[in-house]
């Protein structure tokens, strides 16, 4: 008895659920329809794969991807859906799986409503047309949603998923912001500290010392929706939190939206738009901060930027991390000397009990010494002959594998022709249906083995070529920077991924993670 996998899916737009954990009415109806069809066909149910609140173009659907893995493992014989669009609204996915890989894996795809059946070669074109229509639907839907959101932004309506800190969504109008009085007091306190002369770091430090909850913690404590962060120490105030707040026009009653946009309707990756493309509408809600205070804060910020801006970043900027807590390290100057310390410990000692610290001179001298040591290691004649120099044997191995790959690809092409020829022999009555089924199965198995072997050759060739490229790259990098006397940003970026600082003052630990 054939085993069938039932796949059901519904997008986030569905609204027929009593609670988030319930299956929606549409999902339940899909299952009932497919299980009834399966029973009539006399097939055994292998498993129901359920993706709720996922788009048909989403390639990260958990149940879908698990079903694909199970299909490749040949755990069932049939994939059953209500319509082809439930499986995917993406031409590439339809071609990849339904029209290409499923036949190779011996999997039949069948959709009940639109009669898509991979066992019926006559309806392949209709399946392809349906997949194009489904994709066009998504494209049109995406454009319509974008246009609707753009119109709302121009009208000053709030379209963000979450209200900014200091505000909440109006219960009578989700597109309107109202003041959250308790959080607004924290916002005003931050602005007050800033215009009185405290910097971003000092403000963050004071807020943490006074146990004032940061935006994420505040919303969590008040059971308000917020953007979850997986970053370490996301429950404390940081410099960037204060900096963003000081520059945000939302606190003087303006909405500033449309700062980013999705690269494509299929992708969740975003690009940041130029400032002149942002949508700014004034006076859309009550202000939390007086305009005069906000203006004073902006003037103060400009003055501080001018006085502190030297046109250069620290050569170690973004490269140093505390070994104790994993947090970033920032520079500071004391006694005329520059040091780097754990940023987390500086703001919240309880989050990092040890807290790493190292002087720039000690760190610089150590890095220069390690670069020279690395050069000596790689340029040692004996080691180089093993690790760097590209020998003829590697080239010979690649050539041999390419020859084998070419032969196996020719064999796969022949196997495809045999499969096609057998099909026409069956149609012409040269062989019986039983003979065709047996020979076809044998050919498909042989082709699968050949394809698997070809993939192994491809991977081995790639590994050998990557090893060659890596060896060349290491040698070129170290040779270029081996005579370094004074470290610069280019050398650090080229050679070093990041540096971990740990240990104590008398026993400092410095671990360099190289780019090779």
Protein backbone atom coordinates (compact mmCIF):
# COMPACT_ATOMS: atom_id res chain seq x y z
CA UNK A 1 0.00 0.00 0.00
CA UNK A 2 1.48 3.39 -1.02
CA UNK A 3 2.30 5.78 1.82
CA UNK A 4 1.28 9.42 1.43
CA UNK A 5 2.58 12.57 3.12
CA UNK A 6 -0.11 15.21 3.56
CA UNK A 7 1.11 18.82 3.40
CA UNK A 8 -1.06 21.75 4.52
CA UNK A 9 -0.12 25.42 4.66
CA UNK A 10 -1.74 28.78 5.34
CA UNK A 11 -0.33 32.30 5.33
CA UNK A 12 -0.30 34.77 8.23
CA UNK A 13 -3.29 36.58 6.78
CA UNK A 14 -5.58 33.89 8.17
CA UNK A 15 -7.72 35.25 11.01
CA UNK A 16 -10.01 32.35 11.93
CA UNK A 17 -8.22 31.24 15.10
CA UNK A 18 -9.45 31.49 18.66
CA UNK A 19 -5.84 31.68 19.89
CA UNK A 20 -2.35 31.65 18.42
CA UNK A 21 -1.82 27.99 19.40
CA UNK A 22 -4.98 26.74 17.65
CA UNK A 23 -5.05 25.32 14.16
CA UNK A 24 -7.04 27.65 11.92
CA UNK A 25 -10.33 26.60 10.36
CA UNK A 26 -8.79 26.55 6.88
CA UNK A 27 -5.92 24.29 7.97
CA UNK A 28 -8.38 21.87 9.58
CA UNK A 29 -10.53 21.85 6.43
CA UNK A 30 -7.48 21.16 4.26
CA UNK A 31 -6.56 18.18 6.45
CA UNK A 32 -10.09 16.77 6.42
CA UNK A 33 -10.31 17.04 2.61
CA UNK A 34 -6.93 15.39 2.04
CA UNK A 35 -7.45 12.62 4.59
CA UNK A 36 -10.82 11.82 3.00
CA UNK A 37 -9.20 11.71 -0.47
CA UNK A 38 -6.39 9.51 0.87
CA UNK A 39 -8.92 7.08 2.34
CA UNK A 40 -10.84 6.84 -0.95
CA UNK A 41 -7.60 6.07 -2.81
CA UNK A 42 -6.71 3.32 -0.34
CA UNK A 43 -3.38 4.90 0.60
CA UNK A 44 -1.74 4.79 4.01
CA UNK A 45 -1.05 8.06 5.83
CA UNK A 46 2.63 8.54 6.62
CA UNK A 47 2.43 11.97 8.30
CA UNK A 48 0.69 15.36 8.17
CA UNK A 49 3.15 18.25 7.67
CA UNK A 50 1.65 21.54 8.84
CA UNK A 51 3.09 25.02 8.10
CA UNK A 52 0.76 27.67 9.47
CA UNK A 53 1.53 31.40 9.17
CA UNK A 54 4.06 30.84 6.38
CA UNK A 55 4.03 32.27 2.86
CA UNK A 56 4.21 29.98 -0.15
CA UNK A 57 7.43 31.70 -1.24
CA UNK A 58 9.13 31.17 2.14
CA UNK A 59 12.01 28.72 1.80
CA UNK A 60 12.49 28.44 5.58
CA UNK A 61 9.19 26.69 6.31
CA UNK A 62 10.08 24.11 9.00
CA UNK A 63 7.50 21.43 8.14
CA UNK A 64 8.09 21.87 4.39
CA UNK A 65 11.85 21.40 4.75
CA UNK A 66 11.35 18.38 7.01
CA UNK A 67 9.03 16.86 4.40
CA UNK A 68 11.66 17.42 1.69
CA UNK A 69 14.29 15.66 3.82
CA UNK A 70 11.90 12.75 4.43
CA UNK A 71 11.09 12.58 0.71
CA UNK A 72 14.77 12.36 -0.17
CA UNK A 73 15.08 9.55 2.39
CA UNK A 74 12.17 7.80 0.58
CA UNK A 75 10.06 7.49 3.74
CA UNK A 76 6.85 7.82 1.70
CA UNK A 77 5.68 7.52 -1.92
CA UNK A 78 3.27 10.43 -2.45
CA UNK A 79 3.04 14.11 -1.49
CA UNK A 80 -0.61 15.18 -1.27
CA UNK A 81 -1.78 18.83 -1.18
CA UNK A 82 -5.06 20.67 -1.61
CA UNK A 83 -3.59 22.75 -4.47
CA UNK A 84 -0.15 23.17 -5.98
CA UNK A 85 0.00 26.69 -4.47
CA UNK A 86 -0.22 25.15 -0.96
CA UNK A 87 3.06 23.38 -1.77
CA UNK A 88 4.74 26.56 -3.08
CA UNK A 89 4.09 29.84 -4.86
CA UNK A 90 7.57 29.87 -6.34
CA UNK A 91 8.44 28.73 -9.87
CA UNK A 92 11.93 27.65 -8.80
CA UNK A 93 10.63 25.41 -6.00
CA UNK A 94 8.01 23.83 -8.27
CA UNK A 95 10.62 23.04 -10.93
CA UNK A 96 13.22 21.88 -8.42
CA UNK A 97 11.05 19.46 -6.49
CA UNK A 98 7.82 18.52 -8.30
CA UNK A 99 9.29 18.41 -11.82
CA UNK A 100 12.87 17.34 -11.12
CA UNK A 101 13.81 15.80 -7.76
CA UNK A 102 10.54 14.06 -6.88
CA UNK A 103 10.66 11.85 -10.02
CA UNK A 104 14.30 11.00 -9.25
CA UNK A 105 13.40 10.08 -5.67
CA UNK A 106 10.38 8.08 -6.85
CA UNK A 107 7.92 10.51 -5.24
CA UNK A 108 4.57 11.34 -6.85
CA UNK A 109 3.07 14.80 -6.28
CA UNK A 110 -0.69 15.17 -6.36
CA UNK A 111 -2.98 18.13 -5.60
CA UNK A 112 -6.70 17.45 -5.27
CA UNK A 113 -8.41 20.68 -6.36
CA UNK A 114 -6.35 21.69 -9.40
CA UNK A 115 -5.49 18.11 -10.49
CA UNK A 116 -1.72 18.59 -10.58
CA UNK A 117 -0.22 15.11 -10.88
CA UNK A 118 3.47 14.49 -11.54
CA UNK A 119 2.61 10.96 -12.68
CA UNK A 120 0.73 12.49 -15.60
CA UNK A 121 3.29 13.96 -18.01
CA UNK A 122 0.50 15.54 -20.06
CA UNK A 123 -0.28 18.11 -17.36
CA UNK A 124 3.30 19.28 -16.77
CA UNK A 125 2.72 22.44 -18.81
CA UNK A 126 -0.44 23.24 -16.85
CA UNK A 127 1.51 22.78 -13.61
CA UNK A 128 4.16 25.20 -14.86
CA UNK A 129 1.51 27.73 -15.89
CA UNK A 130 -0.15 27.43 -12.48
CA UNK A 131 3.19 28.03 -10.75
CA UNK A 132 3.72 31.20 -12.80
CA UNK A 133 0.22 32.44 -11.96
CA UNK A 134 0.83 31.72 -8.27
CA UNK A 135 4.10 33.65 -8.34
CA UNK A 136 2.46 36.57 -10.18
CA UNK A 137 -0.18 36.60 -7.46
CA UNK A 138 2.51 36.98 -4.80
CA UNK A 139 4.26 39.73 -6.76
CA UNK A 140 0.99 41.65 -7.17
CA UNK A 141 0.11 41.13 -3.51
CA UNK A 142 3.54 42.42 -2.45
CA UNK A 143 3.20 45.53 -4.61
CA UNK A 144 -0.31 46.18 -3.29
CA UNK A 145 0.86 45.85 0.32
CA UNK A 146 3.78 48.20 -0.35
CA UNK A 147 1.49 50.76 -1.97
CA UNK A 148 -0.99 50.56 0.92
CA UNK A 149 1.74 51.01 3.54
CA UNK A 150 3.28 53.91 1.60
CA UNK A 151 -0.11 55.66 1.50
CA UNK A 152 -0.59 55.19 5.24
CA UNK A 153 2.91 56.51 5.98
CA UNK A 154 2.25 59.64 3.91
CA UNK A 155 -0.91 60.20 5.96
CA UNK A 156 1.15 60.02 9.16
CA UNK A 157 -0.41 56.73 10.26
CA UNK A 158 1.84 54.48 12.34
CA UNK A 159 2.37 51.16 10.51
CA UNK A 160 5.16 49.70 12.64
CA UNK A 161 4.68 46.35 14.36
CA UNK A 162 5.69 47.85 17.72
CA UNK A 163 5.17 51.25 19.32
CA UNK A 164 8.37 53.21 20.11
CA UNK A 165 9.48 53.29 23.75
CA UNK A 166 7.49 56.03 25.51
CA UNK A 167 4.36 55.31 23.48
CA UNK A 168 1.72 52.63 23.02
CA UNK A 169 -0.73 51.93 20.23
CA UNK A 170 -4.11 53.56 20.65
CA UNK A 171 -6.57 50.73 21.55
CA UNK A 172 -9.17 52.47 19.36
CA UNK A 173 -6.83 52.99 16.39
CA UNK A 174 -3.78 50.80 15.92
CA UNK A 175 -2.28 53.34 13.48
CA UNK A 176 -2.18 56.09 16.12
CA UNK A 177 0.32 56.48 18.98
CA UNK A 178 -0.61 57.61 22.48
CA UNK A 179 1.78 58.48 25.31
CA UNK A 180 2.76 55.77 27.79
CA UNK A 181 3.08 58.05 30.84
CA UNK A 182 5.44 55.83 32.85
CA UNK A 183 7.85 55.17 29.97
CA UNK A 184 7.61 58.81 28.87
CA UNK A 185 9.09 59.88 32.21
CA UNK A 186 12.17 57.76 31.48
CA UNK A 187 12.50 59.35 28.03
CA UNK A 188 12.30 62.85 29.51
CA UNK A 189 14.89 61.90 32.13
CA UNK A 190 17.29 60.77 29.39
CA UNK A 191 16.87 64.05 27.48
CA UNK A 192 17.30 66.04 30.70
CA UNK A 193 20.58 64.28 31.51
CA UNK A 194 21.85 64.85 27.98
CA UNK A 195 21.14 68.59 27.77
CA UNK A 196 22.78 68.96 31.20
CA UNK A 197 26.03 67.72 29.71
CA UNK A 198 26.17 63.95 30.28
CA UNK A 199 27.31 61.87 27.31
CA UNK A 200 25.67 58.73 25.94
CA UNK A 201 28.00 56.41 27.89
CA UNK A 202 27.51 58.28 31.17
CA UNK A 203 23.74 58.27 30.75
CA UNK A 204 23.66 54.52 30.04
CA UNK A 205 25.87 53.91 33.05
CA UNK A 206 23.62 55.96 35.33
CA UNK A 207 20.42 54.32 34.10
CA UNK A 208 21.86 50.87 34.79
CA UNK A 209 23.14 51.94 38.21
CA UNK A 210 19.69 53.30 39.10
CA UNK A 211 18.07 50.02 37.94
CA UNK A 212 15.90 51.81 35.39
CA UNK A 213 14.62 49.20 32.88
CA UNK A 214 15.73 49.58 29.29
CA UNK A 215 13.02 49.58 26.55
CA UNK A 216 12.97 45.80 26.01
CA UNK A 217 12.89 45.03 29.74
CA UNK A 218 10.19 47.65 30.38
CA UNK A 219 7.91 46.24 27.69
CA UNK A 220 8.50 42.71 28.91
CA UNK A 221 7.62 43.69 32.49
CA UNK A 222 4.41 45.35 31.28
CA UNK A 223 3.43 42.49 28.94
CA UNK A 224 3.72 44.75 25.92
CA UNK A 225 4.77 43.45 22.48
CA UNK A 226 8.40 44.13 21.65
CA UNK A 227 11.11 43.00 19.28
CA UNK A 228 12.89 40.10 20.93
CA UNK A 229 16.68 40.30 21.02
CA UNK A 230 18.98 37.29 21.30
CA UNK A 231 22.00 39.47 22.00
CA UNK A 232 23.91 39.00 25.23
CA UNK A 233 23.08 41.62 27.89
CA UNK A 234 19.97 42.81 26.01
CA UNK A 235 18.43 43.81 29.35
CA UNK A 236 20.80 46.72 30.04
CA UNK A 237 21.16 50.21 28.62
CA UNK A 238 23.84 50.72 25.97
CA UNK A 239 25.32 53.79 24.33
CA UNK A 240 23.46 53.15 21.08
CA UNK A 241 20.10 52.92 22.93
CA UNK A 242 20.56 56.42 24.31
CA UNK A 243 21.95 57.77 21.04
CA UNK A 244 18.94 56.52 19.03
CA UNK A 245 16.51 58.00 21.54
CA UNK A 246 18.12 61.45 21.48
CA UNK A 247 17.88 61.69 17.67
CA UNK A 248 14.37 60.24 17.22
CA UNK A 249 11.77 62.79 16.05
CA UNK A 250 8.95 60.57 17.33
CA UNK A 251 9.40 62.24 20.74
CA UNK A 252 8.37 65.67 19.38
CA UNK A 253 5.21 64.29 17.77
CA UNK A 254 6.53 63.42 14.30
CA UNK A 255 6.46 60.03 12.58
CA UNK A 256 9.56 58.99 10.66
CA UNK A 257 8.97 55.77 8.72
CA UNK A 258 10.12 53.98 5.57
CA UNK A 259 13.78 53.99 6.59
CA UNK A 260 14.33 50.52 5.13
CA UNK A 261 12.79 48.30 2.45
CA UNK A 262 12.94 44.63 1.52
CA UNK A 263 15.37 43.80 -1.29
CA UNK A 264 12.70 41.66 -3.04
CA UNK A 265 9.26 40.33 -2.16
CA UNK A 266 10.82 36.88 -1.60
CA UNK A 267 13.55 38.09 0.74
CA UNK A 268 13.51 39.33 4.34
CA UNK A 269 16.83 41.11 3.77
CA UNK A 270 16.50 44.87 3.94
CA UNK A 271 18.44 47.83 2.63
CA UNK A 272 18.62 51.18 4.40
CA UNK A 273 17.19 53.99 2.29
CA UNK A 274 18.82 57.42 1.96
CA UNK A 275 17.53 60.01 4.45
CA UNK A 276 15.86 62.04 1.70
CA UNK A 277 13.65 59.00 0.90
CA UNK A 278 12.34 58.64 4.46
CA UNK A 279 8.69 59.50 5.06
CA UNK A 280 8.45 62.27 7.70
CA UNK A 281 5.07 63.63 8.81
CA UNK A 282 4.92 66.27 11.54
CA UNK A 283 2.39 66.59 14.35
CA UNK A 284 0.83 63.14 14.14
CA UNK A 285 0.65 62.46 17.90
CA UNK A 286 1.35 64.06 21.28
CA UNK A 287 4.97 64.92 22.01
CA UNK A 288 6.83 63.43 24.97
CA UNK A 289 9.64 66.01 24.90
CA UNK A 290 9.27 69.76 24.41
CA UNK A 291 10.50 70.96 21.02
CA UNK A 292 12.89 73.42 22.71
CA UNK A 293 14.52 70.60 24.71
CA UNK A 294 14.79 68.40 21.62
CA UNK A 295 16.38 71.23 19.59
CA UNK A 296 18.85 71.89 22.41
CA UNK A 297 19.76 68.19 22.46
CA UNK A 298 20.41 68.19 18.69
CA UNK A 299 22.62 71.29 18.92
CA UNK A 300 24.51 69.71 21.79
CA UNK A 301 24.99 66.53 19.79
CA UNK A 302 26.37 68.38 16.77
CA UNK A 303 28.81 70.30 18.97
CA UNK A 304 30.08 67.11 20.60
CA UNK A 305 30.46 65.37 17.26
CA UNK A 306 32.53 68.28 15.94
CA UNK A 307 34.79 68.39 19.00
CA UNK A 308 35.32 64.62 19.17
CA UNK A 309 35.56 63.82 15.48
CA UNK A 310 39.18 63.22 14.44
CA UNK A 311 38.42 61.48 11.18
CA UNK A 312 39.91 58.14 12.31
CA UNK A 313 38.68 55.01 14.02
CA UNK A 314 40.77 53.02 16.48
CA UNK A 315 42.77 50.43 14.54
CA UNK A 316 41.16 47.77 16.76
CA UNK A 317 37.58 49.07 16.41
CA UNK A 318 35.10 46.20 16.27
CA UNK A 319 37.82 43.58 16.75
CA UNK A 320 38.15 43.29 20.55
CA UNK A 321 35.94 41.12 22.77
CA UNK A 322 35.97 40.27 26.47
CA UNK A 323 36.82 36.60 26.97
CA UNK A 324 34.80 36.55 30.19
CA UNK A 325 31.37 37.66 28.91
CA UNK A 326 31.75 37.87 25.12
CA UNK A 327 30.89 41.57 25.08
CA UNK A 328 32.71 44.17 22.98
CA UNK A 329 35.61 46.25 24.33
CA UNK A 330 35.89 50.04 23.99
CA UNK A 331 38.80 52.45 24.30
CA UNK A 332 39.39 55.01 27.05
CA UNK A 333 42.29 57.24 28.05
CA UNK A 334 43.68 57.66 31.55
CA UNK A 335 46.98 59.15 32.62
CA UNK A 336 47.70 60.02 29.01
CA UNK A 337 47.63 56.34 27.99
CA UNK A 338 45.04 54.51 25.91
CA UNK A 339 43.38 51.32 27.16
CA UNK A 340 40.62 48.96 26.06
CA UNK A 341 38.08 47.66 28.58
CA UNK A 342 34.99 45.46 28.66
CA UNK A 343 32.04 47.63 27.64
CA UNK A 344 29.52 45.47 29.52
CA UNK A 345 31.40 45.61 32.84
CA UNK A 346 31.71 49.40 32.54
CA UNK A 347 27.91 49.75 32.37
CA UNK A 348 26.78 46.82 34.54
CA UNK A 349 29.40 45.12 36.72
CA UNK A 350 27.02 42.34 37.73
CA UNK A 351 26.86 41.18 34.08
CA UNK A 352 30.64 40.62 33.87
CA UNK A 353 32.36 39.90 37.17
CA UNK A 354 35.92 39.84 35.81
CA UNK A 355 35.98 42.41 33.01
CA UNK A 356 38.97 42.42 30.67
CA UNK A 357 41.28 45.42 30.26
CA UNK A 358 44.51 45.89 28.29
CA UNK A 359 46.67 48.85 27.28
CA UNK A 360 46.95 49.72 23.60
CA UNK A 361 50.76 49.44 23.78
CA UNK A 362 50.72 45.93 25.26
CA UNK A 363 48.12 44.80 22.72
CA UNK A 364 49.90 46.39 19.75
CA UNK A 365 53.30 44.92 20.66
CA UNK A 366 51.73 41.48 21.11
CA UNK A 367 49.92 41.57 17.76
CA UNK A 368 53.06 42.66 15.87
CA UNK A 369 55.02 39.85 17.54
CA UNK A 370 52.36 37.27 16.61
CA UNK A 371 52.29 38.43 12.97
CA UNK A 372 56.06 37.89 12.74
CA UNK A 373 55.76 34.50 14.46
CA UNK A 374 53.05 33.49 11.99
CA UNK A 375 55.28 34.55 9.08
CA UNK A 376 58.21 32.49 10.40
CA UNK A 377 55.89 29.49 10.83
CA UNK A 378 54.49 29.57 7.31
CA UNK A 379 57.76 30.43 5.62
CA UNK A 380 59.73 27.68 7.34
CA UNK A 381 60.97 25.47 4.49
CA UNK A 382 59.83 22.19 6.00
CA UNK A 383 56.40 23.47 7.04
CA UNK A 384 55.90 25.36 3.80
CA UNK A 385 56.54 22.23 1.78
CA UNK A 386 53.65 20.59 3.64
CA UNK A 387 51.20 23.45 4.15
CA UNK A 388 51.73 26.14 1.53
CA UNK A 389 53.65 25.08 -1.56
CA UNK A 390 51.30 23.73 -4.20
CA UNK A 391 52.73 20.39 -5.26
CA UNK A 392 52.12 18.43 -8.40
CA UNK A 393 50.33 15.58 -6.59
CA UNK A 394 47.37 17.85 -5.73
CA UNK A 395 47.09 18.94 -9.35
CA UNK A 396 47.26 15.31 -10.45
CA UNK A 397 44.46 14.36 -8.05
CA UNK A 398 42.24 17.16 -9.38
CA UNK A 399 42.93 16.12 -12.99
CA UNK A 400 42.12 12.48 -12.19
CA UNK A 401 38.86 13.42 -10.45
CA UNK A 402 37.83 15.67 -13.36
CA UNK A 403 38.40 12.78 -15.76
CA UNK A 404 36.24 10.47 -13.62
CA UNK A 405 33.56 13.15 -13.33
CA UNK A 406 33.44 13.58 -17.10
CA UNK A 407 33.03 9.83 -17.56
CA UNK A 408 30.25 9.54 -14.99
CA UNK A 409 28.40 12.53 -16.50
CA UNK A 410 28.50 10.80 -19.88
CA UNK A 411 27.09 7.67 -18.25
CA UNK A 412 24.24 9.68 -16.66
CA UNK A 413 23.40 11.13 -20.08
CA UNK A 414 23.26 7.61 -21.54
CA UNK A 415 21.02 6.46 -18.68
CA UNK A 416 18.61 9.32 -19.40
CA UNK A 417 18.43 8.25 -23.04
CA UNK A 418 17.78 4.62 -22.02
CA UNK A 419 14.91 5.71 -19.75
CA UNK A 420 13.33 7.76 -22.56
CA UNK A 421 13.79 4.92 -25.07
CA UNK A 422 12.16 2.40 -22.74
CA UNK A 423 9.17 4.68 -22.29
CA UNK A 424 8.59 4.87 -26.05
CA UNK A 425 9.15 1.08 -26.36
CA UNK A 426 6.35 0.62 -23.84
CA UNK A 427 4.05 2.97 -25.78
CA UNK A 428 4.82 1.11 -29.04
CA UNK A 429 4.19 -2.27 -27.40
CA UNK A 430 7.80 -3.44 -27.80
CA UNK A 431 7.93 -4.26 -24.09
CA UNK A 432 5.15 -4.93 -21.59
CA UNK A 433 4.20 -2.57 -18.79
CA UNK A 434 5.68 -5.02 -16.27
CA UNK A 435 8.98 -5.19 -18.17
CA UNK A 436 9.03 -1.41 -18.44
CA UNK A 437 8.44 -0.96 -14.70
CA UNK A 438 11.25 -3.38 -13.84
CA UNK A 439 13.79 -1.94 -16.32
CA UNK A 440 12.83 1.64 -15.53
CA UNK A 441 13.34 1.01 -11.81
CA UNK A 442 16.77 -0.52 -12.47
CA UNK A 443 17.81 2.42 -14.67
CA UNK A 444 16.63 5.00 -12.17
CA UNK A 445 18.54 3.22 -9.38
CA UNK A 446 21.66 3.14 -11.54
CA UNK A 447 21.24 6.82 -12.39
CA UNK A 448 20.85 7.71 -8.71
CA UNK A 449 24.07 5.86 -7.87
CA UNK A 450 25.87 7.60 -10.73
CA UNK A 451 24.55 11.00 -9.64
CA UNK A 452 25.66 10.33 -6.07
CA UNK A 453 29.14 9.38 -7.28
CA UNK A 454 29.31 12.48 -9.49
CA UNK A 455 28.40 14.67 -6.52
CA UNK A 456 31.19 13.04 -4.48
CA UNK A 457 33.70 13.84 -7.24
CA UNK A 458 32.48 17.46 -7.41
CA UNK A 459 32.85 17.87 -3.63
CA UNK A 460 36.35 16.34 -3.60
CA UNK A 461 37.47 18.63 -6.44
CA UNK A 462 36.06 21.65 -4.60
CA UNK A 463 37.85 20.66 -1.39
CA UNK A 464 41.21 20.31 -3.15
CA UNK A 465 40.79 23.59 -5.03
CA UNK A 466 39.73 25.38 -1.84
CA UNK A 467 42.81 24.04 -0.07
CA UNK A 468 44.98 25.38 -2.88
CA UNK A 469 43.32 28.80 -2.76
CA UNK A 470 43.57 28.95 1.04
CA UNK A 471 47.27 28.11 0.98
CA UNK A 472 47.94 30.78 -1.64
CA UNK A 473 45.92 33.34 0.30
CA UNK A 474 47.71 32.67 3.62
CA UNK A 475 51.11 33.01 1.99
CA UNK A 476 50.16 36.23 0.17
CA UNK A 477 48.63 37.83 3.27
CA UNK A 478 51.56 37.14 5.56
CA UNK A 479 54.16 38.03 2.94
CA UNK A 480 52.44 41.38 2.37
CA UNK A 481 52.40 42.35 6.05
CA UNK A 482 55.41 40.45 7.46
CA UNK A 483 57.64 43.53 7.86
CA UNK A 484 55.06 45.52 9.82
CA UNK A 485 56.62 47.94 12.31
CA UNK A 486 53.56 50.10 13.01
CA UNK A 487 50.10 48.55 13.03
CA UNK A 488 47.39 50.16 10.93
CA UNK A 489 43.69 49.50 10.31
CA UNK A 490 44.36 47.83 6.93
CA UNK A 491 46.75 45.27 8.44
CA UNK A 492 44.34 44.46 11.28
CA UNK A 493 41.33 44.06 8.94
CA UNK A 494 43.32 41.95 6.48
CA UNK A 495 44.85 39.49 8.93
CA UNK A 496 42.62 39.39 12.00
CA UNK A 497 39.00 38.28 12.43
CA UNK A 498 38.79 39.27 16.10
CA UNK A 499 40.80 39.25 19.35
CA UNK A 500 39.68 37.95 22.74
CA UNK A 501 41.10 39.58 25.88
CA UNK A 502 40.98 37.77 29.22
CA UNK A 503 42.99 36.89 32.30
CA UNK A 504 44.20 39.36 34.92
CA UNK A 505 46.50 42.37 34.98
CA UNK A 506 49.49 40.21 35.91
CA UNK A 507 48.49 37.31 33.70
CA UNK A 508 46.87 38.83 30.62
CA UNK A 509 45.47 36.38 28.04
CA UNK A 510 45.27 37.50 24.41
CA UNK A 511 43.82 35.14 21.79
CA UNK A 512 44.03 36.21 18.15
CA UNK A 513 41.56 34.67 15.69
CA UNK A 514 43.07 34.99 12.22
CA UNK A 515 41.30 35.38 8.89
CA UNK A 516 42.86 32.13 7.66
